[in-house]
Amino acid sequence: MKILCVYYSWKGHTAKVAGQLADLLHVTPVRIEPAHESAMFVKAMKALLGMSSPIKPVKEDLSDIDVLVIASPVWAGKVPPYVNEYISRMSTCEGKRCYVLVEMGGSEPGKAVSHLKGCLRKKGMMFAGSTWAREKDVDADMVYDRLISFAETINGKKVVLL
């Protein structure tokens, strides 16, 4: 089974959990990068409005993967515009399983997960599950057990730690 783990991270928290999950899945995480940086106010407004923003080239043709994992921060209950742009660019993803990992400060994961679930289903993907992490728990290294459980869900087998 070939898994693609993509993520966007602004302050590094989502990168950290995406990297840990990717390690557990034995894959290399792929970063979604903005084509150019915008002021936080602009990024936040675009997120609140459900808009997209340009990103650098990244793997968008999913014909050679079986499972997609998207890791995203949550900004005021919404996903960043770069994640929206990535999903809009994805191709040949119909019928593939997808999972979502969201990381946030104080928001609740529900709205962001629901948004991502809807966007991925519109692309023809089969939403198979999600998990979340709080920024303070990422800082305190207190999310690893949750990531192990999530990796086992994705792989369908027990994770063996070396």
N, C-alpha and C. Protein backbone atom coordinates (compact mmCIF):
# COMPACT_ATOMS: atom_id res chain seq x y z
N MET A 1 0.85 -1.18 0.00
CA MET A 1 0.00 0.00 0.00
C MET A 1 0.89 1.24 0.00
N LYS A 2 0.65 2.14 -0.94
CA LYS A 2 1.44 3.37 -1.03
C LYS A 2 0.66 4.52 -0.42
N ILE A 3 1.29 5.18 0.56
CA ILE A 3 0.66 6.27 1.30
C ILE A 3 1.37 7.57 1.00
N LEU A 4 0.61 8.62 0.76
CA LEU A 4 1.15 9.97 0.61
C LEU A 4 0.68 10.80 1.80
N CYS A 5 1.62 11.40 2.50
CA CYS A 5 1.31 12.26 3.64
C CYS A 5 1.72 13.68 3.27
N VAL A 6 0.75 14.57 3.08
CA VAL A 6 1.02 15.97 2.75
C VAL A 6 0.60 16.85 3.91
N TYR A 7 1.29 17.96 4.07
CA TYR A 7 0.95 18.85 5.18
C TYR A 7 1.30 20.29 4.84
N TYR A 8 0.59 21.20 5.50
CA TYR A 8 0.97 22.60 5.52
C TYR A 8 1.20 22.96 6.98
N SER A 9 2.25 23.74 7.22
CA SER A 9 2.54 24.17 8.58
C SER A 9 3.04 25.60 8.54
N TRP A 10 2.53 26.41 9.44
CA TRP A 10 2.97 27.80 9.51
C TRP A 10 4.03 27.98 10.58
N LYS A 11 3.74 27.53 11.79
CA LYS A 11 4.67 27.74 12.90
C LYS A 11 5.47 26.49 13.26
N GLY A 12 5.24 25.39 12.59
CA GLY A 12 6.03 24.19 12.83
C GLY A 12 5.32 23.08 13.60
N HIS A 13 4.21 23.38 14.23
CA HIS A 13 3.51 22.36 15.01
C HIS A 13 2.94 21.26 14.12
N THR A 14 2.29 21.66 13.04
CA THR A 14 1.73 20.66 12.13
C THR A 14 2.85 19.88 11.45
N ALA A 15 3.94 20.53 11.13
CA ALA A 15 5.09 19.83 10.54
C ALA A 15 5.60 18.75 11.49
N LYS A 16 5.64 19.06 12.76
CA LYS A 16 6.14 18.11 13.75
C LYS A 16 5.25 16.86 13.81
N VAL A 17 3.93 17.05 13.95
CA VAL A 17 3.05 15.88 14.05
C VAL A 17 2.95 15.13 12.72
N ALA A 18 2.98 15.86 11.61
CA ALA A 18 2.95 15.20 10.30
C ALA A 18 4.22 14.37 10.11
N GLY A 19 5.35 14.90 10.55
CA GLY A 19 6.61 14.15 10.46
C GLY A 19 6.60 12.91 11.32
N GLN A 20 6.07 13.03 12.53
CA GLN A 20 5.99 11.86 13.41
C GLN A 20 5.06 10.80 12.83
N LEU A 21 3.91 11.23 12.31
CA LEU A 21 2.98 10.28 11.70
C LEU A 21 3.62 9.62 10.47
N ALA A 22 4.26 10.41 9.65
CA ALA A 22 4.92 9.87 8.46
C ALA A 22 5.98 8.84 8.85
N ASP A 23 6.74 9.11 9.90
CA ASP A 23 7.73 8.13 10.38
C ASP A 23 7.06 6.82 10.77
N LEU A 24 5.93 6.91 11.47
CA LEU A 24 5.20 5.71 11.88
C LEU A 24 4.65 4.95 10.67
N LEU A 25 4.34 5.68 9.60
CA LEU A 25 3.82 5.07 8.37
C LEU A 25 4.93 4.66 7.41
N HIS A 26 6.17 5.00 7.76
CA HIS A 26 7.35 4.71 6.92
C HIS A 26 7.26 5.38 5.55
N VAL A 27 6.86 6.66 5.57
CA VAL A 27 6.80 7.46 4.35
C VAL A 27 7.49 8.79 4.60
N THR A 28 7.80 9.50 3.54
CA THR A 28 8.39 10.83 3.64
C THR A 28 7.27 11.86 3.50
N PRO A 29 7.13 12.74 4.49
CA PRO A 29 6.06 13.75 4.38
C PRO A 29 6.39 14.77 3.28
N VAL A 30 5.35 15.26 2.63
CA VAL A 30 5.49 16.24 1.55
C VAL A 30 4.85 17.55 2.02
N ARG A 31 5.62 18.62 1.96
CA ARG A 31 5.15 19.91 2.46
C ARG A 31 4.43 20.71 1.37
N ILE A 32 3.29 21.25 1.72
CA ILE A 32 2.57 22.21 0.87
C ILE A 32 3.17 23.57 1.20
N GLU A 33 3.76 24.24 0.21
CA GLU A 33 4.42 25.52 0.45
C GLU A 33 3.72 26.64 -0.32
N PRO A 34 3.51 27.77 0.33
CA PRO A 34 2.94 28.92 -0.37
C PRO A 34 3.85 29.36 -1.52
N ALA A 35 3.24 29.82 -2.60
CA ALA A 35 4.04 30.36 -3.71
C ALA A 35 4.74 31.63 -3.26
N HIS A 36 4.09 32.38 -2.37
CA HIS A 36 4.68 33.58 -1.77
C HIS A 36 3.99 33.79 -0.43
N GLU A 37 4.71 34.34 0.50
CA GLU A 37 4.14 34.57 1.84
C GLU A 37 3.26 35.82 1.84
N SER A 38 2.20 35.72 2.58
CA SER A 38 1.29 36.85 2.78
C SER A 38 1.30 37.22 4.25
N ALA A 39 0.81 38.39 4.55
CA ALA A 39 0.67 38.79 5.95
C ALA A 39 -0.35 37.87 6.63
N MET A 40 -0.18 37.64 7.92
CA MET A 40 -1.08 36.75 8.64
C MET A 40 -2.52 37.18 8.51
N PHE A 41 -2.79 38.48 8.53
CA PHE A 41 -4.15 38.97 8.38
C PHE A 41 -4.76 38.49 7.07
N VAL A 42 -4.01 38.57 5.98
CA VAL A 42 -4.50 38.14 4.67
C VAL A 42 -4.76 36.63 4.67
N LYS A 43 -3.81 35.86 5.21
CA LYS A 43 -3.98 34.40 5.27
C LYS A 43 -5.21 34.04 6.10
N ALA A 44 -5.36 34.70 7.24
CA ALA A 44 -6.48 34.41 8.13
C ALA A 44 -7.82 34.74 7.47
N MET A 45 -7.89 35.88 6.79
CA MET A 45 -9.13 36.26 6.11
C MET A 45 -9.48 35.27 5.01
N LYS A 46 -8.48 34.84 4.25
CA LYS A 46 -8.72 33.85 3.20
C LYS A 46 -9.20 32.53 3.80
N ALA A 47 -8.63 32.15 4.93
CA ALA A 47 -9.07 30.92 5.60
C ALA A 47 -10.51 31.07 6.06
N LEU A 48 -10.83 32.18 6.70
CA LEU A 48 -12.19 32.41 7.20
C LEU A 48 -13.22 32.38 6.08
N LEU A 49 -12.82 32.84 4.89
CA LEU A 49 -13.73 32.89 3.75
C LEU A 49 -13.68 31.61 2.90
N GLY A 50 -12.86 30.64 3.31
CA GLY A 50 -12.75 29.38 2.56
C GLY A 50 -12.07 29.52 1.22
N MET A 51 -11.20 30.50 1.11
CA MET A 51 -10.52 30.78 -0.16
C MET A 51 -9.24 29.95 -0.30
N SER A 52 -8.63 30.04 -1.47
CA SER A 52 -7.36 29.39 -1.77
C SER A 52 -6.29 30.44 -1.95
N SER A 53 -5.04 30.01 -1.89
CA SER A 53 -3.88 30.85 -2.21
C SER A 53 -2.88 30.02 -2.98
N PRO A 54 -2.14 30.64 -3.89
CA PRO A 54 -1.19 29.90 -4.72
C PRO A 54 -0.16 29.14 -3.89
N ILE A 55 0.19 27.94 -4.40
CA ILE A 55 1.21 27.11 -3.76
C ILE A 55 2.28 26.74 -4.79
N LYS A 56 3.44 26.36 -4.27
CA LYS A 56 4.51 25.87 -5.14
C LYS A 56 4.13 24.49 -5.66
N PRO A 57 4.74 24.07 -6.76
CA PRO A 57 4.43 22.73 -7.30
C PRO A 57 4.66 21.65 -6.24
N VAL A 58 3.72 20.73 -6.18
CA VAL A 58 3.76 19.62 -5.22
C VAL A 58 3.02 18.45 -5.86
N LYS A 59 3.23 17.26 -5.37
CA LYS A 59 2.57 16.08 -5.96
C LYS A 59 1.06 16.23 -5.90
N GLU A 60 0.45 16.36 -7.08
CA GLU A 60 -1.00 16.56 -7.18
C GLU A 60 -1.69 15.40 -7.89
N ASP A 61 -0.95 14.69 -8.74
CA ASP A 61 -1.50 13.51 -9.43
C ASP A 61 -1.36 12.33 -8.47
N LEU A 62 -2.48 11.83 -8.00
CA LEU A 62 -2.46 10.78 -6.99
C LEU A 62 -2.69 9.39 -7.58
N SER A 63 -2.46 9.25 -8.88
CA SER A 63 -2.73 7.97 -9.55
C SER A 63 -1.90 6.81 -8.99
N ASP A 64 -0.72 7.11 -8.47
CA ASP A 64 0.16 6.03 -8.00
C ASP A 64 0.14 5.83 -6.48
N ILE A 65 -0.84 6.41 -5.80
CA ILE A 65 -0.95 6.19 -4.36
C ILE A 65 -2.27 5.49 -4.04
N ASP A 66 -2.31 4.86 -2.88
CA ASP A 66 -3.53 4.18 -2.44
C ASP A 66 -4.26 4.98 -1.37
N VAL A 67 -3.48 5.68 -0.53
CA VAL A 67 -4.03 6.40 0.62
C VAL A 67 -3.41 7.79 0.70
N LEU A 68 -4.25 8.78 0.99
CA LEU A 68 -3.78 10.14 1.20
C LEU A 68 -4.04 10.54 2.64
N VAL A 69 -3.02 11.13 3.27
CA VAL A 69 -3.16 11.72 4.59
C VAL A 69 -2.85 13.20 4.44
N ILE A 70 -3.78 14.06 4.86
CA ILE A 70 -3.56 15.50 4.84
C ILE A 70 -3.48 16.00 6.28
N ALA A 71 -2.40 16.70 6.59
CA ALA A 71 -2.23 17.31 7.91
C ALA A 71 -2.30 18.83 7.74
N SER A 72 -3.12 19.46 8.58
CA SER A 72 -3.36 20.89 8.44
C SER A 72 -3.54 21.54 9.79
N PRO A 73 -3.04 22.77 9.93
CA PRO A 73 -3.40 23.54 11.12
C PRO A 73 -4.85 24.00 10.99
N VAL A 74 -5.42 24.44 12.11
CA VAL A 74 -6.77 25.00 12.12
C VAL A 74 -6.65 26.44 12.58
N TRP A 75 -7.20 27.34 11.79
CA TRP A 75 -7.19 28.77 12.11
C TRP A 75 -8.64 29.20 12.29
N ALA A 76 -9.03 29.48 13.52
CA ALA A 76 -10.40 29.92 13.83
C ALA A 76 -11.44 28.97 13.25
N GLY A 77 -11.18 27.68 13.38
CA GLY A 77 -12.11 26.67 12.91
C GLY A 77 -12.02 26.36 11.43
N LYS A 78 -11.11 27.00 10.73
CA LYS A 78 -10.98 26.83 9.27
C LYS A 78 -9.60 26.30 8.91
N VAL A 79 -9.46 25.83 7.66
CA VAL A 79 -8.15 25.38 7.19
C VAL A 79 -7.49 26.49 6.38
N PRO A 80 -6.17 26.52 6.37
CA PRO A 80 -5.45 27.56 5.62
C PRO A 80 -5.76 27.51 4.12
N PRO A 81 -5.64 28.65 3.46
CA PRO A 81 -5.94 28.70 2.02
C PRO A 81 -5.03 27.81 1.17
N TYR A 82 -3.84 27.51 1.67
CA TYR A 82 -2.90 26.67 0.92
C TYR A 82 -3.37 25.22 0.88
N VAL A 83 -4.02 24.77 1.94
CA VAL A 83 -4.58 23.42 1.96
C VAL A 83 -5.76 23.34 1.00
N ASN A 84 -6.60 24.37 1.00
CA ASN A 84 -7.70 24.42 0.04
C ASN A 84 -7.18 24.36 -1.40
N GLU A 85 -6.11 25.10 -1.68
CA GLU A 85 -5.54 25.10 -3.03
C GLU A 85 -5.01 23.72 -3.41
N TYR A 86 -4.33 23.07 -2.47
CA TYR A 86 -3.81 21.73 -2.76
C TYR A 86 -4.95 20.78 -3.13
N ILE A 87 -5.98 20.78 -2.34
CA ILE A 87 -7.10 19.87 -2.61
C ILE A 87 -7.73 20.18 -3.96
N SER A 88 -7.85 21.46 -4.30
CA SER A 88 -8.45 21.81 -5.60
C SER A 88 -7.59 21.33 -6.77
N ARG A 89 -6.29 21.19 -6.57
CA ARG A 89 -5.38 20.77 -7.63
C ARG A 89 -5.24 19.26 -7.75
N MET A 90 -5.66 18.50 -6.74
CA MET A 90 -5.49 17.05 -6.77
C MET A 90 -6.22 16.45 -7.96
N SER A 91 -5.58 15.43 -8.56
CA SER A 91 -6.22 14.74 -9.68
C SER A 91 -6.03 13.23 -9.53
N THR A 92 -6.82 12.49 -10.28
CA THR A 92 -6.84 11.02 -10.27
C THR A 92 -6.84 10.47 -8.84
N CYS A 93 -7.75 11.00 -8.06
CA CYS A 93 -7.84 10.59 -6.65
C CYS A 93 -9.16 9.86 -6.34
N GLU A 94 -10.00 9.68 -7.33
CA GLU A 94 -11.30 9.06 -7.12
C GLU A 94 -11.15 7.65 -6.56
N GLY A 95 -11.96 7.35 -5.55
CA GLY A 95 -11.98 6.01 -4.98
C GLY A 95 -10.87 5.71 -3.99
N LYS A 96 -9.97 6.64 -3.78
CA LYS A 96 -8.85 6.40 -2.86
C LYS A 96 -9.26 6.79 -1.43
N ARG A 97 -8.70 6.07 -0.46
CA ARG A 97 -8.96 6.40 0.94
C ARG A 97 -8.19 7.64 1.34
N CYS A 98 -8.78 8.42 2.22
CA CYS A 98 -8.10 9.60 2.73
C CYS A 98 -8.35 9.76 4.23
N TYR A 99 -7.35 10.33 4.89
CA TYR A 99 -7.38 10.58 6.33
C TYR A 99 -6.95 12.02 6.57
N VAL A 100 -7.39 12.58 7.69
CA VAL A 100 -7.08 13.96 8.02
C VAL A 100 -6.52 14.04 9.44
N LEU A 101 -5.46 14.82 9.58
CA LEU A 101 -4.87 15.15 10.88
C LEU A 101 -4.89 16.66 10.99
N VAL A 102 -5.59 17.19 12.00
CA VAL A 102 -5.62 18.63 12.21
C VAL A 102 -4.94 18.98 13.52
N GLU A 103 -4.27 20.12 13.52
CA GLU A 103 -3.54 20.61 14.70
C GLU A 103 -4.01 22.03 14.95
N MET A 104 -4.30 22.34 16.24
CA MET A 104 -4.83 23.67 16.53
C MET A 104 -4.43 24.15 17.90
N GLY A 105 -4.59 25.46 18.09
CA GLY A 105 -4.32 26.06 19.39
C GLY A 105 -5.51 25.86 20.30
N GLY A 106 -6.54 26.65 20.11
CA GLY A 106 -7.70 26.56 20.98
C GLY A 106 -8.97 26.17 20.29
N SER A 107 -8.96 26.08 18.98
CA SER A 107 -10.17 25.74 18.22
C SER A 107 -10.57 24.29 18.47
N GLU A 108 -11.77 23.98 18.07
CA GLU A 108 -12.22 22.60 18.07
C GLU A 108 -11.99 22.03 16.67
N PRO A 109 -11.73 20.74 16.58
CA PRO A 109 -11.40 20.16 15.27
C PRO A 109 -12.60 19.95 14.35
N GLY A 110 -13.80 19.94 14.89
CA GLY A 110 -14.99 19.54 14.12
C GLY A 110 -15.22 20.27 12.82
N LYS A 111 -15.21 21.59 12.84
CA LYS A 111 -15.50 22.36 11.62
C LYS A 111 -14.45 22.13 10.55
N ALA A 112 -13.18 22.14 10.94
CA ALA A 112 -12.11 21.94 9.96
C ALA A 112 -12.15 20.54 9.37
N VAL A 113 -12.36 19.54 10.22
CA VAL A 113 -12.43 18.16 9.72
C VAL A 113 -13.63 18.01 8.79
N SER A 114 -14.76 18.57 9.17
CA SER A 114 -15.95 18.50 8.33
C SER A 114 -15.72 19.16 6.97
N HIS A 115 -15.07 20.32 6.98
CA HIS A 115 -14.74 21.01 5.73
C HIS A 115 -13.85 20.14 4.85
N LEU A 116 -12.77 19.61 5.44
CA LEU A 116 -11.85 18.77 4.67
C LEU A 116 -12.55 17.52 4.15
N LYS A 117 -13.35 16.91 4.99
CA LYS A 117 -14.09 15.71 4.60
C LYS A 117 -14.96 16.00 3.38
N GLY A 118 -15.69 17.12 3.40
CA GLY A 118 -16.54 17.49 2.28
C GLY A 118 -15.74 17.75 1.01
N CYS A 119 -14.63 18.48 1.14
CA CYS A 119 -13.78 18.77 -0.03
C CYS A 119 -13.21 17.50 -0.64
N LEU A 120 -12.75 16.60 0.21
CA LEU A 120 -12.15 15.34 -0.27
C LEU A 120 -13.21 14.44 -0.91
N ARG A 121 -14.39 14.41 -0.35
CA ARG A 121 -15.48 13.61 -0.94
C ARG A 121 -15.89 14.17 -2.30
N LYS A 122 -15.86 15.50 -2.44
CA LYS A 122 -16.17 16.11 -3.74
C LYS A 122 -15.16 15.70 -4.80
N LYS A 123 -13.95 15.38 -4.38
CA LYS A 123 -12.92 14.91 -5.31
C LYS A 123 -13.06 13.42 -5.58
N GLY A 124 -14.07 12.79 -4.97
CA GLY A 124 -14.32 11.37 -5.20
C GLY A 124 -13.58 10.44 -4.25
N MET A 125 -12.99 11.00 -3.21
CA MET A 125 -12.23 10.18 -2.27
C MET A 125 -13.15 9.60 -1.20
N MET A 126 -12.68 8.52 -0.58
CA MET A 126 -13.41 7.88 0.51
C MET A 126 -12.78 8.33 1.83
N PHE A 127 -13.48 9.18 2.55
CA PHE A 127 -12.98 9.66 3.84
C PHE A 127 -13.03 8.51 4.83
N ALA A 128 -11.87 8.18 5.42
CA ALA A 128 -11.79 7.00 6.27
C ALA A 128 -11.53 7.30 7.74
N GLY A 129 -11.14 8.54 8.07
CA GLY A 129 -10.93 8.85 9.47
C GLY A 129 -10.12 10.11 9.69
N SER A 130 -10.08 10.52 10.96
CA SER A 130 -9.35 11.74 11.30
C SER A 130 -8.86 11.66 12.74
N THR A 131 -7.91 12.51 13.05
CA THR A 131 -7.46 12.72 14.42
C THR A 131 -7.02 14.16 14.55
N TRP A 132 -6.67 14.57 15.76
CA TRP A 132 -6.33 15.96 16.01
C TRP A 132 -5.26 16.03 17.09
N ALA A 133 -4.65 17.20 17.16
CA ALA A 133 -3.65 17.47 18.20
C ALA A 133 -3.73 18.93 18.59
N ARG A 134 -3.58 19.21 19.85
CA ARG A 134 -3.52 20.59 20.34
C ARG A 134 -2.08 21.06 20.36
N GLU A 135 -1.89 22.32 20.02
CA GLU A 135 -0.56 22.93 19.96
C GLU A 135 0.22 22.72 21.26
N LYS A 136 -0.43 22.92 22.40
CA LYS A 136 0.27 22.76 23.69
C LYS A 136 0.71 21.32 23.90
N ASP A 137 -0.06 20.35 23.41
CA ASP A 137 0.32 18.95 23.53
C ASP A 137 1.47 18.59 22.58
N VAL A 138 1.47 19.22 21.42
CA VAL A 138 2.59 19.03 20.49
C VAL A 138 3.87 19.57 21.14
N ASP A 139 3.79 20.76 21.72
CA ASP A 139 4.94 21.35 22.40
C ASP A 139 5.45 20.47 23.53
N ALA A 140 4.52 19.80 24.24
CA ALA A 140 4.88 18.96 25.38
C ALA A 140 5.16 17.51 24.98
N ASP A 141 5.19 17.23 23.68
CA ASP A 141 5.41 15.86 23.18
C ASP A 141 4.41 14.87 23.78
N MET A 142 3.14 15.26 23.77
CA MET A 142 2.11 14.42 24.37
C MET A 142 1.09 13.91 23.35
N VAL A 143 1.47 13.79 22.07
CA VAL A 143 0.53 13.31 21.06
C VAL A 143 0.97 12.00 20.41
N TYR A 144 2.11 11.49 20.80
CA TYR A 144 2.67 10.33 20.11
C TYR A 144 1.75 9.10 20.20
N ASP A 145 1.16 8.84 21.35
CA ASP A 145 0.27 7.68 21.48
C ASP A 145 -0.93 7.80 20.54
N ARG A 146 -1.47 9.01 20.42
CA ARG A 146 -2.59 9.23 19.50
C ARG A 146 -2.15 8.99 18.04
N LEU A 147 -0.92 9.41 17.71
CA LEU A 147 -0.40 9.21 16.36
C LEU A 147 -0.16 7.73 16.07
N ILE A 148 0.30 6.99 17.07
CA ILE A 148 0.48 5.54 16.89
C ILE A 148 -0.86 4.89 16.56
N SER A 149 -1.88 5.22 17.32
CA SER A 149 -3.22 4.67 17.09
C SER A 149 -3.74 5.04 15.70
N PHE A 150 -3.50 6.29 15.30
CA PHE A 150 -3.95 6.75 13.98
C PHE A 150 -3.20 6.01 12.87
N ALA A 151 -1.90 5.83 13.04
CA ALA A 151 -1.10 5.09 12.05
C ALA A 151 -1.60 3.65 11.92
N GLU A 152 -1.97 3.05 13.04
CA GLU A 152 -2.49 1.68 13.01
C GLU A 152 -3.83 1.63 12.27
N THR A 153 -4.64 2.66 12.43
CA THR A 153 -5.91 2.74 11.70
C THR A 153 -5.64 2.85 10.20
N ILE A 154 -4.70 3.70 9.84
CA ILE A 154 -4.38 3.90 8.42
C ILE A 154 -3.80 2.64 7.80
N ASN A 155 -2.84 2.03 8.47
CA ASN A 155 -2.15 0.83 7.96
C ASN A 155 -2.98 -0.44 8.09
N GLY A 156 -3.89 -0.44 9.05
CA GLY A 156 -4.65 -1.67 9.31
C GLY A 156 -3.83 -2.72 10.02
N LYS A 157 -2.75 -2.29 10.65
CA LYS A 157 -1.91 -3.24 11.40
C LYS A 157 -1.20 -2.51 12.54
N LYS A 158 -0.74 -3.27 13.48
CA LYS A 158 -0.07 -2.73 14.67
C LYS A 158 1.26 -2.11 14.28
N VAL A 159 1.54 -0.94 14.86
CA VAL A 159 2.83 -0.28 14.65
C VAL A 159 3.83 -0.92 15.60
N VAL A 160 4.97 -1.32 15.06
CA VAL A 160 6.04 -1.88 15.86
C VAL A 160 7.12 -0.82 16.01
N LEU A 161 7.35 -0.40 17.24
CA LEU A 161 8.39 0.61 17.50
C LEU A 161 9.73 -0.07 17.68
N LEU A 162 10.73 0.47 17.03
CA LEU A 162 12.08 -0.11 17.13
C LEU A 162 12.85 0.52 18.26
